Amino acid sequence: MTRLFVAIEIPDELKKRIFEEMVKPLNGLKSVKEENLHATLCFMEDEKESEIIEKLRKIKGKTFEADITQTGHFGDRVIWVGIESDEFEGLYEKVHEALRIKTDHRFSGHITLARGNDSGNFFKEFLKIRDKSIFESFLIEKITLFRSVLTKNGPVYEKVEDFYLEE
């Protein structure tokens, strides 16, 4: 099965630091591979890739700084590290508006670090990194459309196209 998603790529050095300090310490969970760390803006299924590309090309904006913040979790399903910026939520809204995607949940900018499983040790693992923080800023100058191909070894993300935030 193939899915498309729009995301913010994380700079390689920051991605490496997040992986080393926050993902590696987690055991027994479905950890995200270093090369797959990103901040998702939206997922799409059953959409024509060419139509999505045309819509994303129309999004305009300015580059901006975003901050990596505290760790958190969504129930016992996802451990994440937050991303904050006044402009980040606005970019999320622009992408959803351009693609005509409606959502019922509140936006929470984040990078998924690991997903829960049935082992029952989710919160024990979360406590290992709860107080770790990487307070670092990075520049967001583009959004990227990815194709996610599910394999027996986990998802493989293929970059489809970058869309730069130039006014």
Foldseek 3Di string as FASTA:
>chain_A
DKKKFKWFDDDLVVLVVCCVQPQVLFPPFAFDDSRPWTWTLDIDDPDDPVLLVVLLQPAAAAKDKKWFWFWDADPLFFIWIFIDDPCVVVVSVSSCVSVVNDDDDDDTTTITGTTGDDPPCSVVRCVVCRPPTDTDMDMGFWMWMWMWDQDPVGTDIDTDDIHGRHD
